[in-house]
Amino acid sequence: MKSKTKELNVDFIGGQVNPLTKEEEKTISDFIRINKEKRKLKERRKRAITKQKELA
């Protein structure tokens, strides 16, 4: 039989008592979006270098 998992309250970060403000939510969202774009760009560069090595 599976044990029940505890439901996590994901609206709060760490020891924070109050929920995030709209400004804080936007800042976090922007940070995550920028990091995703950087990772995608890095992956594209990695693939391009690999293709160049295969063609050489």
PDB file of N, CA and C in Angstrom:
ATOM      1  N   MET A   1       0.840  -1.164   0.000  1.00  0.00           N
ATOM      2  CA  MET A   1       0.000   0.000   0.000  1.00  0.00           C
ATOM      3  C   MET A   1       0.892   1.237   0.000  1.00  0.00           C
ATOM      4  N   LYS A   2       0.516   2.239  -0.805  1.00  0.00           N
ATOM      5  CA  LYS A   2       1.285   3.476  -0.866  1.00  0.00           C
ATOM      6  C   LYS A   2       0.974   4.352   0.333  1.00  0.00           C
ATOM      7  N   SER A   3       2.002   5.033   0.790  1.00  0.00           N
ATOM      8  CA  SER A   3       1.772   5.982   1.872  1.00  0.00           C
ATOM      9  C   SER A   3       1.321   7.309   1.273  1.00  0.00           C
ATOM     10  N   LYS A   4       0.510   8.027   2.009  1.00  0.00           N
ATOM     11  CA  LYS A   4       0.028   9.313   1.526  1.00  0.00           C
ATOM     12  C   LYS A   4       1.156  10.332   1.598  1.00  0.00           C
ATOM     13  N   THR A   5       1.247  11.159   0.578  1.00  0.00           N
ATOM     14  CA  THR A   5       2.249  12.202   0.590  1.00  0.00           C
ATOM     15  C   THR A   5       1.648  13.463   1.192  1.00  0.00           C
ATOM     16  N   LYS A   6       2.495  14.256   1.786  1.00  0.00           N
ATOM     17  CA  LYS A   6       2.036  15.502   2.380  1.00  0.00           C
ATOM     18  C   LYS A   6       1.833  16.533   1.279  1.00  0.00           C
ATOM     19  N   GLU A   7       0.765  17.286   1.372  1.00  0.00           N
ATOM     20  CA  GLU A   7       0.509  18.337   0.406  1.00  0.00           C
ATOM     21  C   GLU A   7       1.366  19.541   0.784  1.00  0.00           C
ATOM     22  N   LEU A   8       2.110  20.041  -0.187  1.00  0.00           N
ATOM     23  CA  LEU A   8       2.998  21.168   0.066  1.00  0.00           C
ATOM     24  C   LEU A   8       2.314  22.474  -0.271  1.00  0.00           C
ATOM     25  N   ASN A   9       2.568  23.478   0.515  1.00  0.00           N
ATOM     26  CA  ASN A   9       2.028  24.799   0.254  1.00  0.00           C
ATOM     27  C   ASN A   9       3.057  25.545  -0.596  1.00  0.00           C
ATOM     28  N   VAL A  10       2.877  25.564  -1.895  1.00  0.00           N
ATOM     29  CA  VAL A  10       3.874  26.121  -2.801  1.00  0.00           C
ATOM     30  C   VAL A  10       3.717  27.620  -3.014  1.00  0.00           C
ATOM     31  N   ASP A  11       2.742  28.238  -2.357  1.00  0.00           N
ATOM     32  CA  ASP A  11       2.570  29.676  -2.479  1.00  0.00           C
ATOM     33  C   ASP A  11       3.581  30.439  -1.630  1.00  0.00           C
ATOM     34  N   PHE A  12       4.287  29.744  -0.760  1.00  0.00           N
ATOM     35  CA  PHE A  12       5.221  30.398   0.138  1.00  0.00           C
ATOM     36  C   PHE A  12       6.622  29.843  -0.083  1.00  0.00           C
ATOM     37  N   ILE A  13       7.610  30.717   0.055  1.00  0.00           N
ATOM     38  CA  ILE A  13       8.998  30.325  -0.141  1.00  0.00           C
ATOM     39  C   ILE A  13       9.711  30.383   1.200  1.00  0.00           C
ATOM     40  N   GLY A  14      10.366  29.293   1.581  1.00  0.00           N
ATOM     41  CA  GLY A  14      11.141  29.257   2.809  1.00  0.00           C
ATOM     42  C   GLY A  14      10.317  29.612   4.025  1.00  0.00           C
ATOM     43  N   GLY A  15      10.819  30.507   4.848  1.00  0.00           N
ATOM     44  CA  GLY A  15      10.136  30.907   6.062  1.00  0.00           C
ATOM     45  C   GLY A  15       9.210  32.090   5.849  1.00  0.00           C
ATOM     46  N   GLN A  16       8.923  32.385   4.610  1.00  0.00           N
ATOM     47  CA  GLN A  16       8.101  33.537   4.285  1.00  0.00           C
ATOM     48  C   GLN A  16       6.669  33.336   4.785  1.00  0.00           C
ATOM     49  N   VAL A  17       6.101  34.336   5.439  1.00  0.00           N
ATOM     50  CA  VAL A  17       4.769  34.238   6.016  1.00  0.00           C
ATOM     51  C   VAL A  17       3.710  34.720   5.020  1.00  0.00           C
ATOM     52  N   ASN A  18       3.990  35.795   4.322  1.00  0.00           N
ATOM     53  CA  ASN A  18       3.019  36.381   3.389  1.00  0.00           C
ATOM     54  C   ASN A  18       3.256  35.871   1.975  1.00  0.00           C
ATOM     55  N   PRO A  19       2.199  35.799   1.163  1.00  0.00           N
ATOM     56  CA  PRO A  19       2.387  35.392  -0.239  1.00  0.00           C
ATOM     57  C   PRO A  19       3.190  36.449  -1.004  1.00  0.00           C
ATOM     58  N   LEU A  20       3.717  36.045  -2.145  1.00  0.00           N
ATOM     59  CA  LEU A  20       4.517  36.957  -2.959  1.00  0.00           C
ATOM     60  C   LEU A  20       3.645  38.080  -3.515  1.00  0.00           C
ATOM     61  N   THR A  21       4.245  39.252  -3.650  1.00  0.00           N
ATOM     62  CA  THR A  21       3.538  40.360  -4.283  1.00  0.00           C
ATOM     63  C   THR A  21       3.604  40.167  -5.792  1.00  0.00           C
ATOM     64  N   LYS A  22       2.787  40.900  -6.516  1.00  0.00           N
ATOM     65  CA  LYS A  22       2.783  40.802  -7.988  1.00  0.00           C
ATOM     66  C   LYS A  22       4.153  41.176  -8.549  1.00  0.00           C
ATOM     67  N   GLU A  23       4.801  42.174  -7.945  1.00  0.00           N
ATOM     68  CA  GLU A  23       6.119  42.601  -8.410  1.00  0.00           C
ATOM     69  C   GLU A  23       7.148  41.490  -8.218  1.00  0.00           C
ATOM     70  N   GLU A  24       7.104  40.818  -7.077  1.00  0.00           N
ATOM     71  CA  GLU A  24       8.030  39.716  -6.809  1.00  0.00           C
ATOM     72  C   GLU A  24       7.764  38.549  -7.750  1.00  0.00           C
ATOM     73  N   GLU A  25       6.496  38.240  -8.002  1.00  0.00           N
ATOM     74  CA  GLU A  25       6.144  37.166  -8.940  1.00  0.00           C
ATOM     75  C   GLU A  25       6.684  37.477 -10.322  1.00  0.00           C
ATOM     76  N   LYS A  26       6.537  38.739 -10.763  1.00  0.00           N
ATOM     77  CA  LYS A  26       7.014  39.134 -12.087  1.00  0.00           C
ATOM     78  C   LYS A  26       8.534  39.026 -12.160  1.00  0.00           C
ATOM     79  N   THR A  27       9.224  39.456 -11.107  1.00  0.00           N
ATOM     80  CA  THR A  27      10.684  39.386 -11.070  1.00  0.00           C
ATOM     81  C   THR A  27      11.161  37.943 -11.185  1.00  0.00           C
ATOM     82  N   ILE A  28      10.531  37.042 -10.444  1.00  0.00           N
ATOM     83  CA  ILE A  28      10.900  35.622 -10.493  1.00  0.00           C
ATOM     84  C   ILE A  28      10.597  35.041 -11.871  1.00  0.00           C
ATOM     85  N   SER A  29       9.435  35.367 -12.430  1.00  0.00           N
ATOM     86  CA  SER A  29       9.064  34.869 -13.759  1.00  0.00           C
ATOM     87  C   SER A  29      10.044  35.344 -14.818  1.00  0.00           C
ATOM     88  N   ASP A  30      10.431  36.625 -14.751  1.00  0.00           N
ATOM     89  CA  ASP A  30      11.398  37.167 -15.711  1.00  0.00           C
ATOM     90  C   ASP A  30      12.739  36.453 -15.588  1.00  0.00           C
ATOM     91  N   PHE A  31      13.181  36.226 -14.365  1.00  0.00           N
ATOM     92  CA  PHE A  31      14.449  35.536 -14.133  1.00  0.00           C
ATOM     93  C   PHE A  31      14.419  34.129 -14.736  1.00  0.00           C
ATOM     94  N   ILE A  32      13.331  33.407 -14.504  1.00  0.00           N
ATOM     95  CA  ILE A  32      13.206  32.041 -15.033  1.00  0.00           C
ATOM     96  C   ILE A  32      13.173  32.065 -16.553  1.00  0.00           C
ATOM     97  N   ARG A  33      12.437  33.002 -17.140  1.00  0.00           N
ATOM     98  CA  ARG A  33      12.336  33.099 -18.598  1.00  0.00           C
ATOM     99  C   ARG A  33      13.709  33.385 -19.215  1.00  0.00           C
ATOM    100  N   ILE A  34      14.443  34.320 -18.625  1.00  0.00           N
ATOM    101  CA  ILE A  34      15.770  34.668 -19.142  1.00  0.00           C
ATOM    102  C   ILE A  34      16.719  33.480 -19.041  1.00  0.00           C
ATOM    103  N   ASN A  35      16.669  32.740 -17.932  1.00  0.00           N
ATOM    104  CA  ASN A  35      17.524  31.559 -17.783  1.00  0.00           C
ATOM    105  C   ASN A  35      17.198  30.503 -18.823  1.00  0.00           C
ATOM    106  N   LYS A  36      15.909  30.283 -19.116  1.00  0.00           N
ATOM    107  CA  LYS A  36      15.512  29.313 -20.135  1.00  0.00           C
ATOM    108  C   LYS A  36      16.056  29.722 -21.500  1.00  0.00           C
ATOM    109  N   GLU A  37      15.961  31.007 -21.816  1.00  0.00           N
ATOM    110  CA  GLU A  37      16.475  31.495 -23.099  1.00  0.00           C
ATOM    111  C   GLU A  37      17.984  31.292 -23.195  1.00  0.00           C
ATOM    112  N   LYS A  38      18.695  31.554 -22.103  1.00  0.00           N
ATOM    113  CA  LYS A  38      20.154  31.358 -22.095  1.00  0.00           C
ATOM    114  C   LYS A  38      20.507  29.890 -22.316  1.00  0.00           C
ATOM    115  N   ARG A  39      19.768  28.982 -21.649  1.00  0.00           N
ATOM    116  CA  ARG A  39      20.037  27.553 -21.811  1.00  0.00           C
ATOM    117  C   ARG A  39      19.787  27.098 -23.244  1.00  0.00           C
ATOM    118  N   LYS A  40      18.695  27.585 -23.847  1.00  0.00           N
ATOM    119  CA  LYS A  40      18.391  27.218 -25.227  1.00  0.00           C
ATOM    120  C   LYS A  40      19.480  27.712 -26.173  1.00  0.00           C
ATOM    121  N   LEU A  41      19.936  28.944 -25.973  1.00  0.00           N
ATOM    122  CA  LEU A  41      20.984  29.505 -26.813  1.00  0.00           C
ATOM    123  C   LEU A  41      22.276  28.707 -26.664  1.00  0.00           C
ATOM    124  N   LYS A  42      22.608  28.354 -25.434  1.00  0.00           N
ATOM    125  CA  LYS A  42      23.815  27.572 -25.178  1.00  0.00           C
ATOM    126  C   LYS A  42      23.726  26.202 -25.853  1.00  0.00           C
ATOM    127  N   GLU A  43      22.550  25.583 -25.798  1.00  0.00           N
ATOM    128  CA  GLU A  43      22.356  24.279 -26.428  1.00  0.00           C
ATOM    129  C   GLU A  43      22.489  24.378 -27.945  1.00  0.00           C
ATOM    130  N   ARG A  44      21.940  25.447 -28.530  1.00  0.00           N
ATOM    131  CA  ARG A  44      22.065  25.639 -29.988  1.00  0.00           C
ATOM    132  C   ARG A  44      23.526  25.790 -30.390  1.00  0.00           C
ATOM    133  N   ARG A  45      24.281  26.555 -29.599  1.00  0.00           N
ATOM    134  CA  ARG A  45      25.707  26.739 -29.901  1.00  0.00           C
ATOM    135  C   ARG A  45      26.444  25.420 -29.809  1.00  0.00           C
ATOM    136  N   LYS A  46      26.108  24.633 -28.797  1.00  0.00           N
ATOM    137  CA  LYS A  46      26.752  23.338 -28.599  1.00  0.00           C
ATOM    138  C   LYS A  46      26.477  22.428 -29.806  1.00  0.00           C
ATOM    139  N   ARG A  47      25.240  22.421 -30.282  1.00  0.00           N
ATOM    140  CA  ARG A  47      24.877  21.602 -31.440  1.00  0.00           C
ATOM    141  C   ARG A  47      25.598  22.066 -32.690  1.00  0.00           C
ATOM    142  N   ALA A  48      25.702  23.388 -32.870  1.00  0.00           N
ATOM    143  CA  ALA A  48      26.374  23.935 -34.047  1.00  0.00           C
ATOM    144  C   ALA A  48      27.842  23.532 -34.060  1.00  0.00           C
ATOM    145  N   ILE A  49      28.486  23.600 -32.910  1.00  0.00           N
ATOM    146  CA  ILE A  49      29.903  23.222 -32.818  1.00  0.00           C
ATOM    147  C   ILE A  49      30.059  21.738 -33.115  1.00  0.00           C
ATOM    148  N   THR A  50      29.154  20.925 -32.605  1.00  0.00           N
ATOM    149  CA  THR A  50      29.212  19.481 -32.840  1.00  0.00           C
ATOM    150  C   THR A  50      29.045  19.176 -34.325  1.00  0.00           C
ATOM    151  N   LYS A  51      28.119  19.867 -34.982  1.00  0.00           N
ATOM    152  CA  LYS A  51      27.892  19.657 -36.418  1.00  0.00           C
ATOM    153  C   LYS A  51      29.117  20.064 -37.222  1.00  0.00           C
ATOM    154  N   GLN A  52      29.765  21.183 -36.821  1.00  0.00           N
ATOM    155  CA  GLN A  52      30.952  21.631 -37.525  1.00  0.00           C
ATOM    156  C   GLN A  52      32.081  20.611 -37.401  1.00  0.00           C
ATOM    157  N   LYS A  53      32.207  20.015 -36.248  1.00  0.00           N
ATOM    158  CA  LYS A  53      33.239  19.008 -36.043  1.00  0.00           C
ATOM    159  C   LYS A  53      32.957  17.766 -36.875  1.00  0.00           C
ATOM    160  N   GLU A  54      31.680  17.400 -37.022  1.00  0.00           N
ATOM    161  CA  GLU A  54      31.321  16.229 -37.812  1.00  0.00           C
ATOM    162  C   GLU A  54      31.599  16.461 -39.287  1.00  0.00           C
ATOM    163  N   LEU A  55      31.385  17.692 -39.766  1.00  0.00           N
ATOM    164  CA  LEU A  55      31.597  18.010 -41.170  1.00  0.00           C
ATOM    165  C   LEU A  55      33.081  18.146 -41.518  1.00  0.00           C
ATOM    166  N   ALA A  56      33.883  18.458 -40.551  1.00  0.00           N
ATOM    167  CA  ALA A  56      35.312  18.687 -40.815  1.00  0.00           C
ATOM    168  C   ALA A  56      36.071  17.408 -40.977  1.00  0.00           C
TER     169      ALA A  56
END
